[in-house]
């Protein structure tokens, strides 16, 4: 309903009564759902004014994940592995979709000394042109950084070698260069 009505951060959402009528559910169900959304930090209620959409940031989702799902040590380690799996799968998607004209932009950015690993992979994952994968990766990246994992640092020539493999359309080489960049053992 928020998307259909074109609502954005700061906009007021319909009243409980209107939501109940539009969704064809009881007001108690609407009230319960609104309470849950407020606990998640997605909306805020201002006395006498109404209920408004909050500025939702991924870090809130990271906090929720860490509170409920990622409590044990194995789950924490799995975050790194899952993040890497997503990055490698995005390399495959990029090669399938062949967005080679955009690679030149990333080449230029990768040459800049100030580009960090997150920025590089954010651009690469955008090339995979899958919004859901991008959102999942951002959440995993944020959680990864909220923990005490070792900082990932690559040199511009490592980025360039990976981009060269992508530009050549060589999946095997791209995965190999990715693993070298991530200092992963060959498997």
Protein backbone atom coordinates (compact mmCIF):
# COMPACT_ATOMS: atom_id res chain seq x y z
CA UNK A 1 0.00 0.00 0.00
CA UNK A 2 2.91 2.33 0.77
CA UNK A 3 4.41 1.67 -2.65
CA UNK A 4 1.04 1.88 -4.43
CA UNK A 5 0.28 5.23 -2.78
CA UNK A 6 3.77 6.54 -3.55
CA UNK A 7 4.50 7.28 0.11
CA UNK A 8 8.04 7.99 1.23
CA UNK A 9 9.98 8.84 4.39
CA UNK A 10 8.14 11.45 6.47
CA UNK A 11 4.75 10.89 4.82
CA UNK A 12 1.73 10.23 6.96
CA UNK A 13 0.07 6.85 6.52
CA UNK A 14 -3.72 6.40 6.57
CA UNK A 15 -5.55 6.13 9.88
CA UNK A 16 -6.31 2.78 11.53
CA UNK A 17 -9.90 3.06 10.36
CA UNK A 18 -8.93 3.71 6.74
CA UNK A 19 -6.31 0.94 6.78
CA UNK A 20 -8.88 -1.44 8.23
CA UNK A 21 -11.34 -0.61 5.45
CA UNK A 22 -8.78 -0.75 2.63
CA UNK A 23 -7.22 -4.00 3.82
CA UNK A 24 -10.55 -5.52 4.78
CA UNK A 25 -9.32 -6.56 8.24
CA UNK A 26 -10.30 -5.71 11.79
CA UNK A 27 -8.94 -2.61 13.49
CA UNK A 28 -7.29 -4.74 16.18
CA UNK A 29 -5.28 -6.51 13.45
CA UNK A 30 -4.25 -3.15 11.99
CA UNK A 31 -3.28 -1.89 15.45
CA UNK A 32 -1.16 -5.00 16.08
CA UNK A 33 0.56 -4.69 12.69
CA UNK A 34 1.28 -1.01 13.27
CA UNK A 35 2.80 -1.82 16.66
CA UNK A 36 5.06 -4.41 15.02
CA UNK A 37 6.12 -1.93 12.31
CA UNK A 38 6.87 0.64 14.97
CA UNK A 39 9.00 -1.85 16.93
CA UNK A 40 10.93 -2.55 13.74
CA UNK A 41 11.52 1.17 13.34
CA UNK A 42 9.65 1.42 10.05
CA UNK A 43 7.01 3.86 11.28
CA UNK A 44 6.60 6.30 14.15
CA UNK A 45 3.46 7.50 15.87
CA UNK A 46 3.25 11.14 16.93
CA UNK A 47 0.55 11.87 19.46
CA UNK A 48 -2.15 14.04 18.01
CA UNK A 49 -0.58 14.02 14.55
CA UNK A 50 -0.75 10.45 13.24
CA UNK A 51 1.61 7.74 12.04
CA UNK A 52 4.51 8.51 9.72
CA UNK A 53 7.00 6.52 7.67
CA UNK A 54 10.47 6.61 9.18
CA UNK A 55 13.78 6.79 7.40
CA UNK A 56 14.59 3.08 7.36
CA UNK A 57 18.26 2.29 7.15
CA UNK A 58 19.80 -1.11 6.55
CA UNK A 59 21.61 -0.96 9.89
CA UNK A 60 18.28 -1.41 11.66
CA UNK A 61 17.82 -4.66 9.78
CA UNK A 62 21.37 -5.65 10.68
CA UNK A 63 20.53 -5.10 14.35
CA UNK A 64 17.41 -7.23 13.99
CA UNK A 65 19.36 -9.99 12.27
CA UNK A 66 22.02 -9.99 14.94
CA UNK A 67 19.44 -10.03 17.71
CA UNK A 68 17.30 -12.88 16.44
CA UNK A 69 19.14 -14.91 13.83
CA UNK A 70 22.87 -14.45 14.07
CA UNK A 71 23.42 -15.21 17.75
CA UNK A 72 25.54 -18.33 17.47
CA UNK A 73 29.14 -18.38 16.29
CA UNK A 74 28.45 -20.62 13.28
CA UNK A 75 25.85 -18.19 11.93
CA UNK A 76 28.33 -15.33 12.31
CA UNK A 77 30.95 -17.25 10.28
CA UNK A 78 28.34 -18.11 7.67
CA UNK A 79 27.85 -14.38 7.01
CA UNK A 80 31.32 -14.13 5.47
CA UNK A 81 30.81 -17.26 3.37
CA UNK A 82 27.38 -16.09 2.19
CA UNK A 83 28.73 -12.64 1.31
CA UNK A 84 31.46 -14.27 -0.80
CA UNK A 85 28.97 -16.62 -2.49
CA UNK A 86 26.81 -13.66 -3.47
CA UNK A 87 29.82 -11.81 -4.87
CA UNK A 88 30.89 -14.81 -6.96
CA UNK A 89 27.35 -15.40 -8.21
CA UNK A 90 27.19 -11.76 -9.24
CA UNK A 91 30.31 -12.26 -11.35
CA UNK A 92 28.47 -15.05 -13.17
CA UNK A 93 25.39 -12.85 -13.63
CA UNK A 94 27.51 -10.02 -15.01
CA UNK A 95 29.06 -12.39 -17.53
CA UNK A 96 25.62 -13.69 -18.58
CA UNK A 97 24.16 -10.21 -18.96
CA UNK A 98 27.35 -8.86 -20.55
CA UNK A 99 27.17 -5.20 -19.50
CA UNK A 100 30.64 -4.53 -20.86
CA UNK A 101 30.11 -0.81 -21.61
CA UNK A 102 29.81 -0.17 -17.87
CA UNK A 103 33.05 -1.93 -17.05
CA UNK A 104 35.09 1.05 -18.27
CA UNK A 105 33.52 3.20 -15.55
CA UNK A 106 34.50 0.67 -12.92
CA UNK A 107 38.01 0.40 -14.37
CA UNK A 108 38.41 4.14 -13.88
CA UNK A 109 37.03 3.99 -10.34
CA UNK A 110 39.18 0.97 -9.44
CA UNK A 111 42.30 2.90 -10.45
CA UNK A 112 41.55 5.52 -7.82
CA UNK A 113 43.51 4.86 -4.67
CA UNK A 114 40.59 5.98 -2.51
CA UNK A 115 38.18 3.30 -3.74
CA UNK A 116 37.67 0.70 -1.08
CA UNK A 117 36.61 -2.91 -1.34
CA UNK A 118 32.97 -2.21 -0.46
CA UNK A 119 32.66 0.47 -3.13
CA UNK A 120 34.23 -1.76 -5.75
CA UNK A 121 31.92 -4.69 -5.04
CA UNK A 122 28.90 -2.44 -4.69
CA UNK A 123 29.48 -1.25 -8.26
CA UNK A 124 30.08 -4.79 -9.49
CA UNK A 125 26.94 -6.10 -7.84
CA UNK A 126 24.98 -3.26 -9.40
CA UNK A 127 26.20 -4.53 -12.79
CA UNK A 128 24.57 -7.88 -12.03
CA UNK A 129 21.30 -5.94 -12.26
CA UNK A 130 19.50 -7.83 -9.51
CA UNK A 131 18.05 -5.47 -6.91
CA UNK A 132 17.27 -8.20 -4.38
CA UNK A 133 20.81 -9.58 -4.47
CA UNK A 134 22.15 -6.05 -4.01
CA UNK A 135 19.93 -5.49 -0.96
CA UNK A 136 20.92 -8.81 0.59
CA UNK A 137 24.60 -8.11 -0.04
CA UNK A 138 24.36 -4.66 1.58
CA UNK A 139 22.76 -6.17 4.69
CA UNK A 140 25.43 -8.88 4.88
CA UNK A 141 28.19 -6.32 4.30
CA UNK A 142 26.83 -4.09 7.08
CA UNK A 143 26.58 -7.02 9.46
CA UNK A 144 30.04 -8.21 8.42
CA UNK A 145 31.46 -4.79 9.31
CA UNK A 146 29.53 -4.61 12.58
CA UNK A 147 31.46 -7.70 13.73
CA UNK A 148 35.18 -7.95 14.25
CA UNK A 149 35.99 -9.57 10.92
CA UNK A 150 39.34 -8.75 9.38
CA UNK A 151 39.19 -5.72 7.07
CA UNK A 152 39.32 -6.65 3.39
CA UNK A 153 41.81 -4.64 1.42
CA UNK A 154 42.76 -5.13 -2.21
CA UNK A 155 45.11 -3.25 -4.48
CA UNK A 156 43.99 -1.57 -7.72
CA UNK A 157 45.86 -4.17 -9.81
CA UNK A 158 43.82 -6.95 -8.17
CA UNK A 159 40.60 -5.17 -9.08
CA UNK A 160 41.90 -4.65 -12.59
CA UNK A 161 42.77 -8.36 -13.00
CA UNK A 162 39.23 -9.28 -11.98
CA UNK A 163 37.74 -6.70 -14.34
CA UNK A 164 39.99 -7.93 -17.17
CA UNK A 165 38.63 -11.46 -16.70
CA UNK A 166 35.06 -10.14 -16.74
CA UNK A 167 35.74 -8.02 -19.84
CA UNK A 168 37.20 -11.10 -21.56
CA UNK A 169 34.03 -13.01 -20.72
CA UNK A 170 36.07 -15.67 -18.93
CA UNK A 171 34.04 -16.98 -15.98
CA UNK A 172 36.68 -19.44 -14.77
CA UNK A 173 39.35 -16.73 -14.76
CA UNK A 174 36.98 -14.23 -13.09
CA UNK A 175 36.28 -16.68 -10.24
CA UNK A 176 40.00 -17.45 -9.92
CA UNK A 177 40.87 -13.71 -9.76
CA UNK A 178 38.05 -13.18 -7.26
CA UNK A 179 39.45 -15.92 -5.02
CA UNK A 180 42.93 -14.42 -5.28
CA UNK A 181 41.53 -11.02 -4.39
CA UNK A 182 39.73 -12.54 -1.38
CA UNK A 183 42.81 -14.62 -0.52
CA UNK A 184 40.61 -17.70 -0.62
CA UNK A 185 42.11 -21.14 -0.99
CA UNK A 186 41.51 -22.84 -4.29
CA UNK A 187 38.73 -25.40 -4.13
